[in-house]
Protein backbone atom coordinates (compact mmCIF):
# COMPACT_ATOMS: atom_id res chain seq x y z
CA UNK A 1 126.86 75.96 128.76
CA UNK A 2 126.10 80.49 129.88
CA UNK A 3 122.59 80.94 130.07
CA UNK A 4 121.64 83.16 126.54
CA UNK A 5 118.64 85.92 126.87
CA UNK A 6 116.44 85.89 123.58
CA UNK A 7 114.17 88.54 122.52
CA UNK A 8 110.44 87.24 121.02
CA UNK A 9 108.10 89.31 121.95
CA UNK A 10 108.27 90.89 118.63
CA UNK A 11 108.97 89.91 114.61
CA UNK A 12 111.75 92.51 114.87
CA UNK A 13 112.89 90.54 118.14
CA UNK A 14 112.35 87.78 116.22
CA UNK A 15 114.78 88.45 113.44
CA UNK A 16 117.53 89.48 115.63
CA UNK A 17 117.24 86.64 117.19
CA UNK A 18 118.09 84.67 114.44
CA UNK A 19 121.12 86.65 112.87
CA UNK A 20 122.52 86.67 117.19
CA UNK A 21 122.01 82.61 116.93
CA UNK A 22 123.74 82.04 113.10
CA UNK A 23 125.94 84.05 114.22
CA UNK A 24 126.79 82.11 117.20
CA UNK A 25 126.69 79.14 115.43
CA UNK A 26 129.07 80.31 112.55
CA UNK A 27 131.37 81.75 115.89
CA UNK A 28 131.32 77.70 117.14
CA UNK A 29 129.50 79.54 120.11
CA UNK A 30 126.41 77.46 120.05
CA UNK A 31 126.13 73.62 118.14
CA UNK A 32 123.75 73.22 115.99
CA UNK A 33 121.45 70.44 117.61
CA UNK A 34 120.76 73.82 120.23
CA UNK A 35 119.94 76.23 116.93
CA UNK A 36 118.17 74.32 115.73
CA UNK A 37 115.65 73.81 118.84
CA UNK A 38 115.85 77.55 119.24
CA UNK A 39 115.35 78.32 115.39
CA UNK A 40 111.52 75.88 115.81
CA UNK A 41 110.52 78.20 118.45
CA UNK A 42 111.23 81.07 116.78
CA UNK A 43 108.79 80.05 113.63
CA UNK A 44 106.64 79.09 116.22
CA UNK A 45 106.80 82.56 117.91
CA UNK A 46 106.78 84.15 114.71
CA UNK A 47 103.90 82.29 113.84
CA UNK A 48 101.61 83.30 117.21
CA UNK A 49 102.50 87.56 116.42
CA UNK A 50 101.23 86.66 112.46
CA UNK A 51 98.33 85.75 113.58
CA UNK A 52 97.36 88.19 116.24
CA UNK A 53 97.81 90.45 114.17
CA UNK A 54 95.45 89.23 110.79
CA UNK A 55 93.58 88.91 114.26
CA UNK A 56 93.08 92.58 114.85
CA UNK A 57 93.18 93.18 111.54
CA UNK A 58 90.02 91.32 110.81
CA UNK A 59 88.46 93.45 114.38
CA UNK A 60 89.55 96.13 113.47
CA UNK A 61 87.99 96.10 110.00
CA UNK A 62 84.32 94.44 111.95
CA UNK A 63 84.00 97.27 113.60
CA UNK A 64 84.67 99.90 111.07
CA UNK A 65 81.68 97.48 108.85
CA UNK A 66 79.06 97.87 111.48
CA UNK A 67 79.57 101.75 112.17
CA UNK A 68 79.35 101.99 108.66
CA UNK A 69 75.72 99.88 109.34
């Protein structure tokens, strides 16, 4: 199988990657087992991105709260 480069640094990139993988499966360019593996990885990356974004927001709110005190 040819090497595939997929971007997953942001939620937008993950969404585009998932769409690309879905199209590849629909066009017979990728088997569903490979697609499922990629989808699981994308879900893990999305979860980590969300956790990082939540932590950034919490840190910012704590900083604002400390400045108010």
